[in-house]
Amino acid sequence: MRRIEPRAHIIDAALASGDMNAWKQVLGLENYMNDVTKVPQSGVPAHLAQYQKARIGNVDSTDRVIPRIKLLQAISPELTDFPDKAKAGQFWHSIAQENMGPSLKGIPIVIRKSYVLWAPRNDDRGILARAMDGIHWEPANAEFRVKPKGSPKEVVYKTADTVAKSGLDQFGTSIPGDPNSAPAASLTYNMLWFFPDFQEFSPSVIINTRSSIKPMQQLLSRIDSKPVPHFCQVYDISSVQQKGAEGPYFNFAYSGAGFTTAEQAAAAEQLYETFSKGGWVANDEAEEEQVTNAAAGTEKVYDENVASKF
């Protein structure tokens, strides 16, 4: 992959201006069209190559459920449903039902930080409340009586109108009175990615929660340290086996892999302009969080002071 290394004074000017066109000049994209980025498609019959994508109706990106890339665990149902393809420690496309291997190259598009209030695993209610914007609970000012694992009695979770007011994102709240208990609410990052080697599977979402919060926050720090927009950066996404509270499991690992090509930057920027407006959800989002939590157990792994820059 060609590394793009613009001169320092041009970078400084682009940073100061905050102008997307300035970044295009830095990356040599000033002549690129923004409205349509043509990405080669794989598996298209030759007799259909003449046709362009058409609008199916009065819908947009907010009406779509975005595919999810799952890091399979030993307890993931895909290992039973697809024994010939699915393997623990490898990445799985939730819509195509395809194994994408143990590592991927990805370009970050946009991230959503949220909180999820879960019922205990033996409670069929699943998700009790969400704060999709990372701030406001839905439903607000609600009470839920639950019996968490390890608690001698039932406890009550109260959402208030915001996460901060409820305090449910703090340690010691899943079992009130036990300061070592996990937060009742799970911090969750949903990152939308473009995969250069799997363009037909892009964009897709990777969910980081519980034990995978720390790798994501480290990634956010790396992204923020680079002199170009996040959608002009490339990262290696891999799996690493770790030991959790309930046995070994696979976790995410992110490392830098240079910068995008001009074509990739144009495609990624278009996706960013589309999806940064919000409204998208990940396929089977709740299921992924449950499997991750069950595989890894609960650990003190995240720093609430790390904030997204995009």
C-alpha atoms as a PDB file:
ATOM      1  CA  MET A   1       0.000   0.000   0.000  1.00  0.00           C
ATOM      2  CA  ARG A   2       1.318   3.430  -0.929  1.00  0.00           C
ATOM      3  CA  ARG A   3       1.997   5.596   2.120  1.00  0.00           C
ATOM      4  CA  ILE A   4       0.926   9.211   1.851  1.00  0.00           C
ATOM      5  CA  GLU A   5       3.397  11.515   3.591  1.00  0.00           C
ATOM      6  CA  PRO A   6       2.408  15.144   2.957  1.00  0.00           C
ATOM      7  CA  ARG A   7       4.726  17.979   3.891  1.00  0.00           C
ATOM      8  CA  ALA A   8       4.489  19.305   7.450  1.00  0.00           C
ATOM      9  CA  HIS A   9       3.536  22.876   6.583  1.00  0.00           C
ATOM     10  CA  ILE A  10       0.658  21.688   4.374  1.00  0.00           C
ATOM     11  CA  ILE A  11      -0.560  19.432   7.186  1.00  0.00           C
ATOM     12  CA  ASP A  12      -0.432  22.327   9.656  1.00  0.00           C
ATOM     13  CA  ALA A  13      -2.450  24.509   7.309  1.00  0.00           C
ATOM     14  CA  ALA A  14      -5.066  21.805   6.791  1.00  0.00           C
ATOM     15  CA  LEU A  15      -5.341  21.208  10.543  1.00  0.00           C
ATOM     16  CA  ALA A  16      -5.766  24.917  11.201  1.00  0.00           C
ATOM     17  CA  SER A  17      -8.429  25.392   8.542  1.00  0.00           C
ATOM     18  CA  GLY A  18     -10.555  22.340   9.405  1.00  0.00           C
ATOM     19  CA  ASP A  19     -11.486  22.409   5.705  1.00  0.00           C
ATOM     20  CA  MET A  20     -12.177  19.023   4.083  1.00  0.00           C
ATOM     21  CA  ASN A  21     -11.038  20.442   0.735  1.00  0.00           C
ATOM     22  CA  ALA A  22      -7.674  21.224   2.303  1.00  0.00           C
ATOM     23  CA  TRP A  23      -7.341  17.564   3.246  1.00  0.00           C
ATOM     24  CA  LYS A  24      -8.159  16.618  -0.333  1.00  0.00           C
ATOM     25  CA  GLN A  25      -5.298  18.765  -1.520  1.00  0.00           C
ATOM     26  CA  VAL A  26      -2.963  17.182   1.021  1.00  0.00           C
ATOM     27  CA  LEU A  27      -3.908  13.718  -0.177  1.00  0.00           C
ATOM     28  CA  GLY A  28      -4.101  14.562  -3.855  1.00  0.00           C
ATOM     29  CA  LEU A  29      -7.876  14.154  -4.022  1.00  0.00           C
ATOM     30  CA  GLU A  30      -8.815  17.622  -5.247  1.00  0.00           C
ATOM     31  CA  ASN A  31      -9.948  16.230  -8.606  1.00  0.00           C
ATOM     32  CA  TYR A  32     -12.085  13.456  -7.139  1.00  0.00           C
ATOM     33  CA  MET A  33     -15.839  13.440  -7.526  1.00  0.00           C
ATOM     34  CA  ASN A  34     -17.660  13.412  -4.186  1.00  0.00           C
ATOM     35  CA  ASP A  35     -21.060  12.292  -5.380  1.00  0.00           C
ATOM     36  CA  VAL A  36     -20.100   8.905  -6.807  1.00  0.00           C
ATOM     37  CA  THR A  37     -17.104   6.747  -5.952  1.00  0.00           C
ATOM     38  CA  LYS A  38     -16.899   3.735  -8.213  1.00  0.00           C
ATOM     39  CA  VAL A  39     -15.653   0.672  -6.365  1.00  0.00           C
ATOM     40  CA  PRO A  40     -15.037  -2.501  -8.327  1.00  0.00           C
ATOM     41  CA  GLN A  41     -17.539  -5.197  -7.478  1.00  0.00           C
ATOM     42  CA  SER A  42     -16.645  -8.865  -7.260  1.00  0.00           C
ATOM     43  CA  GLY A  43     -18.775 -11.677  -8.554  1.00  0.00           C
ATOM     44  CA  VAL A  44     -20.848  -9.574 -10.983  1.00  0.00           C
ATOM     45  CA  PRO A  45     -21.626 -11.337 -14.304  1.00  0.00           C
ATOM     46  CA  ALA A  46     -20.146  -9.583 -17.336  1.00  0.00           C
ATOM     47  CA  HIS A  47     -23.550  -9.036 -18.913  1.00  0.00           C
ATOM     48  CA  LEU A  48     -24.638  -6.996 -15.856  1.00  0.00           C
ATOM     49  CA  ALA A  49     -21.574  -4.747 -15.689  1.00  0.00           C
ATOM     50  CA  GLN A  50     -23.308  -2.097 -17.838  1.00  0.00           C
ATOM     51  CA  TYR A  51     -25.916  -1.390 -15.142  1.00  0.00           C
ATOM     52  CA  GLN A  52     -25.458   1.231 -12.442  1.00  0.00           C
ATOM     53  CA  LYS A  53     -26.915   1.030  -8.954  1.00  0.00           C
ATOM     54  CA  ALA A  54     -30.460   2.438  -8.855  1.00  0.00           C
ATOM     55  CA  ARG A  55     -32.453   3.959  -6.006  1.00  0.00           C
ATOM     56  CA  ILE A  56     -34.974   1.388  -4.837  1.00  0.00           C
ATOM     57  CA  GLY A  57     -37.404   3.876  -3.253  1.00  0.00           C
ATOM     58  CA  ASN A  58     -37.750   6.757  -0.814  1.00  0.00           C
ATOM     59  CA  VAL A  59     -35.357   5.227   1.696  1.00  0.00           C
ATOM     60  CA  ASP A  60     -31.863   6.180   2.795  1.00  0.00           C
ATOM     61  CA  SER A  61     -29.067   4.866   5.000  1.00  0.00           C
ATOM     62  CA  THR A  62     -31.174   5.308   8.142  1.00  0.00           C
ATOM     63  CA  ASP A  63     -33.523   2.569   6.904  1.00  0.00           C
ATOM     64  CA  ARG A  64     -30.784  -0.006   6.584  1.00  0.00           C
ATOM     65  CA  VAL A  65     -29.534  -2.458   9.170  1.00  0.00           C
ATOM     66  CA  ILE A  66     -25.757  -2.456   8.863  1.00  0.00           C
ATOM     67  CA  PRO A  67     -24.001  -5.848   8.704  1.00  0.00           C
ATOM     68  CA  ARG A  68     -21.806  -6.686  11.647  1.00  0.00           C
ATOM     69  CA  ILE A  69     -18.370  -8.249  11.828  1.00  0.00           C
ATOM     70  CA  LYS A  70     -18.312 -10.636  14.760  1.00  0.00           C
ATOM     71  CA  LEU A  71     -15.238 -12.035  16.453  1.00  0.00           C
ATOM     72  CA  LEU A  72     -16.328 -15.619  16.965  1.00  0.00           C
ATOM     73  CA  GLN A  73     -15.996 -17.200  20.389  1.00  0.00           C
ATOM     74  CA  ALA A  74     -16.088 -20.855  21.369  1.00  0.00           C
ATOM     75  CA  ILE A  75     -19.708 -20.359  22.462  1.00  0.00           C
ATOM     76  CA  SER A  76     -20.822 -18.437  19.340  1.00  0.00           C
ATOM     77  CA  PRO A  77     -23.852 -20.102  17.703  1.00  0.00           C
ATOM     78  CA  GLU A  78     -22.202 -19.810  14.264  1.00  0.00           C
ATOM     79  CA  LEU A  79     -19.799 -22.627  15.197  1.00  0.00           C
ATOM     80  CA  THR A  80     -22.802 -24.942  15.447  1.00  0.00           C
ATOM     81  CA  ASP A  81     -24.779 -23.475  12.548  1.00  0.00           C
ATOM     82  CA  PHE A  82     -21.833 -23.386  10.121  1.00  0.00           C
ATOM     83  CA  PRO A  83     -19.375 -26.071  11.328  1.00  0.00           C
ATOM     84  CA  ASP A  84     -17.509 -26.143   8.010  1.00  0.00           C
ATOM     85  CA  LYS A  85     -16.841 -22.384   7.884  1.00  0.00           C
ATOM     86  CA  ALA A  86     -17.042 -20.811  11.333  1.00  0.00           C
ATOM     87  CA  LYS A  87     -14.074 -21.006  13.674  1.00  0.00           C
ATOM     88  CA  ALA A  88     -13.407 -19.382  17.048  1.00  0.00           C
ATOM     89  CA  GLY A  89     -10.963 -16.505  16.855  1.00  0.00           C
ATOM     90  CA  GLN A  90     -11.939 -15.535  13.301  1.00  0.00           C
ATOM     91  CA  PHE A  91     -14.100 -12.746  11.933  1.00  0.00           C
ATOM     92  CA  TRP A  92     -17.614 -13.449  10.652  1.00  0.00           C
ATOM     93  CA  HIS A  93     -19.898 -11.353   8.443  1.00  0.00           C
ATOM     94  CA  SER A  94     -23.379 -11.450   9.944  1.00  0.00           C
ATOM     95  CA  ILE A  95     -25.334 -10.939   6.706  1.00  0.00           C
ATOM     96  CA  ALA A  96     -23.220 -12.821   4.162  1.00  0.00           C
ATOM     97  CA  GLN A  97     -22.591 -15.600   6.725  1.00  0.00           C
ATOM     98  CA  GLU A  98     -18.970 -15.762   5.585  1.00  0.00           C
ATOM     99  CA  ASN A  99     -15.687 -16.294   7.415  1.00  0.00           C
ATOM    100  CA  MET A 100     -13.380 -13.321   6.792  1.00  0.00           C
ATOM    101  CA  GLY A 101     -10.336 -14.885   8.448  1.00  0.00           C
ATOM    102  CA  PRO A 102      -8.317 -14.132  11.600  1.00  0.00           C
ATOM    103  CA  SER A 103      -7.260 -10.615  10.548  1.00  0.00           C
ATOM    104  CA  LEU A 104      -8.600  -7.696   8.508  1.00  0.00           C
ATOM    105  CA  LYS A 105      -7.453  -4.361   7.181  1.00  0.00           C
ATOM    106  CA  GLY A 106      -9.960  -1.627   7.943  1.00  0.00           C
ATOM    107  CA  ILE A 107     -10.531   2.107   7.491  1.00  0.00           C
ATOM    108  CA  PRO A 108     -12.555   3.670  10.352  1.00  0.00           C
ATOM    109  CA  ILE A 109     -15.608   5.606   9.165  1.00  0.00           C
ATOM    110  CA  VAL A 110     -17.607   6.712  12.209  1.00  0.00           C
ATOM    111  CA  ILE A 111     -18.117   5.575  15.793  1.00  0.00           C
ATOM    112  CA  ARG A 112     -21.109   5.627  18.118  1.00  0.00           C
ATOM    113  CA  LYS A 113     -20.667   5.530  21.884  1.00  0.00           C
ATOM    114  CA  SER A 114     -23.617   4.191  23.854  1.00  0.00           C
ATOM    115  CA  TYR A 115     -24.591   2.541  27.115  1.00  0.00           C
ATOM    116  CA  VAL A 116     -26.704  -0.585  27.542  1.00  0.00           C
ATOM    117  CA  LEU A 117     -28.406  -1.653  30.761  1.00  0.00           C
ATOM    118  CA  TRP A 118     -28.657  -5.432  30.750  1.00  0.00           C
ATOM    119  CA  ALA A 119     -30.815  -7.780  32.781  1.00  0.00           C
ATOM    120  CA  PRO A 120     -28.782 -10.594  34.355  1.00  0.00           C
ATOM    121  CA  ARG A 121     -28.007 -13.528  32.056  1.00  0.00           C
ATOM    122  CA  ASN A 122     -30.645 -15.745  33.625  1.00  0.00           C
ATOM    123  CA  ASP A 123     -33.265 -13.030  33.061  1.00  0.00           C
ATOM    124  CA  ASP A 124     -35.161 -13.293  29.756  1.00  0.00           C
ATOM    125  CA  ARG A 125     -35.741  -9.522  29.526  1.00  0.00           C
ATOM    126  CA  GLY A 126     -32.338  -8.967  27.909  1.00  0.00           C
ATOM    127  CA  ILE A 127     -31.806  -5.241  27.332  1.00  0.00           C
ATOM    128  CA  LEU A 128     -33.615  -3.129  29.914  1.00  0.00           C
ATOM    129  CA  ALA A 129     -32.598   0.328  28.702  1.00  0.00           C
ATOM    130  CA  ARG A 130     -30.261   2.059  26.255  1.00  0.00           C
ATOM    131  CA  ALA A 131     -28.546   5.415  25.958  1.00  0.00           C
ATOM    132  CA  MET A 132     -27.947   5.470  22.206  1.00  0.00           C
ATOM    133  CA  ASP A 133     -26.380   8.930  22.299  1.00  0.00           C
ATOM    134  CA  GLY A 134     -24.210   7.996  25.269  1.00  0.00           C
ATOM    135  CA  ILE A 135     -26.103  10.488  27.438  1.00  0.00           C
ATOM    136  CA  HIS A 136     -29.892   9.987  27.701  1.00  0.00           C
ATOM    137  CA  TRP A 137     -31.582   6.809  28.882  1.00  0.00           C
ATOM    138  CA  GLU A 138     -34.448   5.265  26.940  1.00  0.00           C
ATOM    139  CA  PRO A 139     -36.648   4.709  28.868  1.00  0.00           C
ATOM    140  CA  ALA A 140     -35.821   7.505  31.267  1.00  0.00           C
ATOM    141  CA  ASN A 141     -36.616   7.475  34.989  1.00  0.00           C
ATOM    142  CA  ALA A 142     -37.476   3.779  34.922  1.00  0.00           C
ATOM    143  CA  GLU A 143     -36.945   1.160  37.623  1.00  0.00           C
ATOM    144  CA  PHE A 144     -36.005  -2.476  37.054  1.00  0.00           C
ATOM    145  CA  ARG A 145     -35.937  -5.099  39.755  1.00  0.00           C
ATOM    146  CA  VAL A 146     -33.259  -7.738  39.038  1.00  0.00           C
ATOM    147  CA  LYS A 147     -31.173 -10.364  40.821  1.00  0.00           C
ATOM    148  CA  PRO A 148     -27.583 -10.176  39.539  1.00  0.00           C
ATOM    149  CA  LYS A 149     -25.232 -13.131  39.750  1.00  0.00           C
ATOM    150  CA  GLY A 150     -23.473 -13.039  43.125  1.00  0.00           C
ATOM    151  CA  SER A 151     -26.091 -10.861  44.764  1.00  0.00           C
ATOM    152  CA  PRO A 152     -27.829 -12.365  47.824  1.00  0.00           C
ATOM    153  CA  LYS A 153     -31.047 -10.512  47.034  1.00  0.00           C
ATOM    154  CA  GLU A 154     -32.890  -8.588  44.358  1.00  0.00           C
ATOM    155  CA  VAL A 155     -31.753  -5.040  43.596  1.00  0.00           C
ATOM    156  CA  VAL A 156     -33.313  -2.133  41.736  1.00  0.00           C
ATOM    157  CA  TYR A 157     -31.707  -0.318  38.796  1.00  0.00           C
ATOM    158  CA  LYS A 158     -32.952   3.261  38.262  1.00  0.00           C
ATOM    159  CA  THR A 159     -32.146   4.963  34.959  1.00  0.00           C
ATOM    160  CA  ALA A 160     -32.919   8.652  35.748  1.00  0.00           C
ATOM    161  CA  ASP A 161     -32.941  10.834  32.628  1.00  0.00           C
ATOM    162  CA  THR A 162     -29.212  10.657  31.901  1.00  0.00           C
ATOM    163  CA  VAL A 163     -26.461   8.108  32.375  1.00  0.00           C
ATOM    164  CA  ALA A 164     -24.485  10.512  34.552  1.00  0.00           C
ATOM    165  CA  LYS A 165     -27.392  11.151  36.910  1.00  0.00           C
ATOM    166  CA  SER A 166     -28.188   7.454  37.228  1.00  0.00           C
ATOM    167  CA  GLY A 167     -24.582   6.552  38.034  1.00  0.00           C
ATOM    168  CA  LEU A 168     -25.127   3.137  36.440  1.00  0.00           C
ATOM    169  CA  ASP A 169     -21.930   3.486  34.419  1.00  0.00           C
ATOM    170  CA  GLN A 170     -19.845   3.391  37.605  1.00  0.00           C
ATOM    171  CA  PHE A 171     -18.232   0.376  39.249  1.00  0.00           C
ATOM    172  CA  GLY A 172     -20.147  -0.943  42.245  1.00  0.00           C
ATOM    173  CA  THR A 173     -23.587  -0.450  40.673  1.00  0.00           C
ATOM    174  CA  SER A 174     -24.394  -3.911  39.298  1.00  0.00           C
ATOM    175  CA  ILE A 175     -24.542  -5.131  42.909  1.00  0.00           C
ATOM    176  CA  PRO A 176     -25.222  -2.102  45.123  1.00  0.00           C
ATOM    177  CA  GLY A 177     -23.097  -2.267  48.262  1.00  0.00           C
ATOM    178  CA  ASP A 178     -20.312  -4.200  46.533  1.00  0.00           C
ATOM    179  CA  PRO A 179     -17.719  -1.637  45.332  1.00  0.00           C
ATOM    180  CA  ASN A 180     -15.930  -4.323  43.319  1.00  0.00           C
ATOM    181  CA  SER A 181     -18.958  -5.202  41.219  1.00  0.00           C
ATOM    182  CA  ALA A 182     -19.048  -4.158  37.565  1.00  0.00           C
ATOM    183  CA  PRO A 183     -21.010  -1.183  36.247  1.00  0.00           C
ATOM    184  CA  ALA A 184     -24.650  -2.076  35.767  1.00  0.00           C
ATOM    185  CA  ALA A 185     -24.571  -0.352  32.369  1.00  0.00           C
ATOM    186  CA  SER A 186     -22.173  -1.553  29.678  1.00  0.00           C
ATOM    187  CA  LEU A 187     -20.176   1.056  27.781  1.00  0.00           C
ATOM    188  CA  THR A 188     -20.351   0.092  24.090  1.00  0.00           C
ATOM    189  CA  TYR A 189     -18.599   1.372  20.973  1.00  0.00           C
ATOM    190  CA  ASN A 190     -20.047   0.650  17.535  1.00  0.00           C
ATOM    191  CA  MET A 191     -17.437   1.405  14.876  1.00  0.00           C
ATOM    192  CA  LEU A 192     -18.414   1.521  11.201  1.00  0.00           C
ATOM    193  CA  TRP A 193     -15.551   0.246   9.005  1.00  0.00           C
ATOM    194  CA  PHE A 194     -14.625   0.094   5.327  1.00  0.00           C
ATOM    195  CA  PHE A 195     -12.592  -3.018   4.431  1.00  0.00           C
ATOM    196  CA  PRO A 196     -10.373  -2.537   1.347  1.00  0.00           C
ATOM    197  CA  ASP A 197      -9.936  -6.287   0.873  1.00  0.00           C
ATOM    198  CA  PHE A 198     -13.676  -6.946   1.323  1.00  0.00           C
ATOM    199  CA  GLN A 199     -15.321  -4.031  -0.427  1.00  0.00           C
ATOM    200  CA  GLU A 200     -18.434  -6.097  -1.076  1.00  0.00           C
ATOM    201  CA  PHE A 201     -18.816  -6.450   2.728  1.00  0.00           C
ATOM    202  CA  SER A 202     -18.387  -2.727   3.402  1.00  0.00           C
ATOM    203  CA  PRO A 203     -19.441  -0.834   5.360  1.00  0.00           C
ATOM    204  CA  SER A 204     -19.888  -3.089   8.370  1.00  0.00           C
ATOM    205  CA  VAL A 205     -19.939  -2.547  12.126  1.00  0.00           C
ATOM    206  CA  ILE A 206     -17.612  -3.926  14.771  1.00  0.00           C
ATOM    207  CA  ILE A 207     -18.958  -3.779  18.331  1.00  0.00           C
ATOM    208  CA  ASN A 208     -16.566  -3.278  21.239  1.00  0.00           C
ATOM    209  CA  THR A 209     -17.935  -3.710  24.746  1.00  0.00           C
ATOM    210  CA  ARG A 210     -16.854  -5.050  28.136  1.00  0.00           C
ATOM    211  CA  SER A 211     -13.375  -6.594  27.738  1.00  0.00           C
ATOM    212  CA  SER A 212     -12.914  -5.142  24.252  1.00  0.00           C
ATOM    213  CA  ILE A 213     -13.360  -1.544  25.430  1.00  0.00           C
ATOM    214  CA  LYS A 214      -9.655  -1.100  26.212  1.00  0.00           C
ATOM    215  CA  PRO A 215      -8.442  -2.076  22.700  1.00  0.00           C
ATOM    216  CA  MET A 216     -10.964   0.345  21.171  1.00  0.00           C
ATOM    217  CA  GLN A 217      -9.940   3.218  23.408  1.00  0.00           C
ATOM    218  CA  GLN A 218      -6.298   2.584  22.549  1.00  0.00           C
ATOM    219  CA  LEU A 219      -7.293   2.693  18.879  1.00  0.00           C
ATOM    220  CA  LEU A 220      -9.095   6.014  19.378  1.00  0.00           C
ATOM    221  CA  SER A 221      -5.925   7.473  20.890  1.00  0.00           C
ATOM    222  CA  ARG A 222      -3.898   6.287  17.889  1.00  0.00           C
ATOM    223  CA  ILE A 223      -6.428   7.732  15.467  1.00  0.00           C
ATOM    224  CA  ASP A 224      -6.353  11.091  17.225  1.00  0.00           C
ATOM    225  CA  SER A 225      -2.543  11.209  17.082  1.00  0.00           C
ATOM    226  CA  LYS A 226      -2.385  10.978  13.263  1.00  0.00           C
ATOM    227  CA  PRO A 227      -2.110  14.151  11.110  1.00  0.00           C
ATOM    228  CA  VAL A 228      -4.858  13.106   8.673  1.00  0.00           C
ATOM    229  CA  PRO A 229      -8.589  12.425   9.090  1.00  0.00           C
ATOM    230  CA  HIS A 230      -9.545   9.054  10.512  1.00  0.00           C
ATOM    231  CA  PHE A 231     -10.993   7.919   7.168  1.00  0.00           C
ATOM    232  CA  CYS A 232      -7.526   8.333   5.605  1.00  0.00           C
ATOM    233  CA  GLN A 233      -5.962   5.865   8.056  1.00  0.00           C
ATOM    234  CA  VAL A 234      -5.667   2.079   7.742  1.00  0.00           C
ATOM    235  CA  TYR A 235      -5.532  -0.375  10.631  1.00  0.00           C
ATOM    236  CA  ASP A 236      -4.872  -4.082  11.067  1.00  0.00           C
ATOM    237  CA  ILE A 237      -7.700  -5.712  13.017  1.00  0.00           C
ATOM    238  CA  SER A 238      -6.785  -9.071  14.521  1.00  0.00           C
ATOM    239  CA  SER A 239      -7.796 -11.432  17.304  1.00  0.00           C
ATOM    240  CA  VAL A 240      -5.793 -12.388  20.357  1.00  0.00           C
ATOM    241  CA  GLN A 241      -6.618 -15.057  22.914  1.00  0.00           C
ATOM    242  CA  GLN A 242      -6.866 -13.847  26.490  1.00  0.00           C
ATOM    243  CA  LYS A 243      -7.909 -15.263  29.840  1.00  0.00           C
ATOM    244  CA  GLY A 244     -11.182 -13.920  31.229  1.00  0.00           C
ATOM    245  CA  ALA A 245     -13.149 -14.381  34.420  1.00  0.00           C
ATOM    246  CA  GLU A 246     -14.902 -17.390  32.892  1.00  0.00           C
ATOM    247  CA  GLY A 247     -12.032 -18.896  30.888  1.00  0.00           C
ATOM    248  CA  PRO A 248     -10.112 -18.103  27.688  1.00  0.00           C
ATOM    249  CA  TYR A 249     -11.719 -15.983  25.005  1.00  0.00           C
ATOM    250  CA  PHE A 250     -10.723 -14.016  21.899  1.00  0.00           C
ATOM    251  CA  ASN A 251     -10.375 -10.257  22.028  1.00  0.00           C
ATOM    252  CA  PHE A 252      -9.753  -7.541  19.442  1.00  0.00           C
ATOM    253  CA  ALA A 253      -6.330  -6.090  18.686  1.00  0.00           C
ATOM    254  CA  TYR A 254      -5.769  -2.968  16.552  1.00  0.00           C
ATOM    255  CA  SER A 255      -2.483  -1.757  15.073  1.00  0.00           C
ATOM    256  CA  GLY A 256      -1.560   0.887  12.521  1.00  0.00           C
ATOM    257  CA  ALA A 257      -1.133  -0.134   8.872  1.00  0.00           C
ATOM    258  CA  GLY A 258      -0.324   3.202   7.202  1.00  0.00           C
ATOM    259  CA  PHE A 259      -2.545   5.475   5.138  1.00  0.00           C
ATOM    260  CA  THR A 260      -5.151   4.974   2.444  1.00  0.00           C
ATOM    261  CA  THR A 261      -4.716   5.268  -1.287  1.00  0.00           C
ATOM    262  CA  ALA A 262      -6.435   8.200  -2.989  1.00  0.00           C
ATOM    263  CA  GLU A 263      -9.249   5.936  -4.177  1.00  0.00           C
ATOM    264  CA  GLN A 264      -9.790   4.451  -0.724  1.00  0.00           C
ATOM    265  CA  ALA A 265      -9.819   7.905   0.881  1.00  0.00           C
ATOM    266  CA  ALA A 266     -12.501   9.087  -1.536  1.00  0.00           C
ATOM    267  CA  ALA A 267     -14.680   6.053  -0.879  1.00  0.00           C
ATOM    268  CA  ALA A 268     -14.218   6.310   2.891  1.00  0.00           C
ATOM    269  CA  GLU A 269     -14.968  10.032   2.919  1.00  0.00           C
ATOM    270  CA  GLN A 270     -18.221   9.450   1.055  1.00  0.00           C
ATOM    271  CA  LEU A 271     -19.245   6.833   3.607  1.00  0.00           C
ATOM    272  CA  TYR A 272     -18.358   9.211   6.430  1.00  0.00           C
ATOM    273  CA  GLU A 273     -20.478  12.009   4.984  1.00  0.00           C
ATOM    274  CA  THR A 274     -23.408   9.591   4.669  1.00  0.00           C
ATOM    275  CA  PHE A 275     -23.274   7.750   7.986  1.00  0.00           C
ATOM    276  CA  SER A 276     -21.988  10.476  10.305  1.00  0.00           C
ATOM    277  CA  LYS A 277     -25.544  11.849  10.267  1.00  0.00           C
ATOM    278  CA  GLY A 278     -26.558   8.886  12.453  1.00  0.00           C
ATOM    279  CA  GLY A 279     -29.631   6.694  12.330  1.00  0.00           C
ATOM    280  CA  TRP A 280     -27.875   3.411  11.571  1.00  0.00           C
ATOM    281  CA  VAL A 281     -28.049   0.269  13.683  1.00  0.00           C
ATOM    282  CA  ALA A 282     -26.046  -2.945  13.626  1.00  0.00           C
ATOM    283  CA  ASN A 283     -27.498  -6.309  12.699  1.00  0.00           C
ATOM    284  CA  ASP A 284     -28.235  -8.479  15.771  1.00  0.00           C
ATOM    285  CA  GLU A 285     -26.492  -5.966  18.009  1.00  0.00           C
ATOM    286  CA  ALA A 286     -27.916  -7.326  21.250  1.00  0.00           C
ATOM    287  CA  GLU A 287     -26.869 -10.895  20.454  1.00  0.00           C
ATOM    288  CA  GLU A 288     -23.229  -9.898  19.963  1.00  0.00           C
ATOM    289  CA  GLU A 289     -23.024  -8.099  23.283  1.00  0.00           C
ATOM    290  CA  GLN A 290     -24.452 -11.082  25.122  1.00  0.00           C
ATOM    291  CA  VAL A 291     -21.962 -13.520  23.590  1.00  0.00           C
ATOM    292  CA  THR A 292     -19.030 -11.207  24.267  1.00  0.00           C
ATOM    293  CA  ASN A 293     -20.051 -10.661  27.867  1.00  0.00           C
ATOM    294  CA  ALA A 294     -20.554 -14.372  28.474  1.00  0.00           C
ATOM    295  CA  ALA A 295     -17.232 -15.346  26.916  1.00  0.00           C
ATOM    296  CA  ALA A 296     -15.077 -12.770  28.668  1.00  0.00           C
ATOM    297  CA  GLY A 297     -16.838 -12.230  31.971  1.00  0.00           C
ATOM    298  CA  THR A 298     -16.660  -8.838  33.670  1.00  0.00           C
ATOM    299  CA  GLU A 299     -13.402  -6.958  34.062  1.00  0.00           C
ATOM    300  CA  LYS A 300     -12.300  -3.457  35.042  1.00  0.00           C
ATOM    301  CA  VAL A 301     -10.912  -2.558  31.655  1.00  0.00           C
ATOM    302  CA  TYR A 302     -12.100   0.847  30.466  1.00  0.00           C
ATOM    303  CA  ASP A 303     -11.351   4.476  31.028  1.00  0.00           C
ATOM    304  CA  GLU A 304     -14.418   6.696  30.881  1.00  0.00           C
ATOM    305  CA  ASN A 305     -12.284   9.763  30.149  1.00  0.00           C
ATOM    306  CA  VAL A 306     -11.407   8.622  26.629  1.00  0.00           C
ATOM    307  CA  ALA A 307     -13.668  10.456  24.183  1.00  0.00           C
ATOM    308  CA  SER A 308     -14.299   9.969  20.470  1.00  0.00           C
ATOM    309  CA  LYS A 309     -13.001  12.650  18.128  1.00  0.00           C
ATOM    310  CA  PHE A 310     -15.289  11.773  15.225  1.00  0.00           C
END
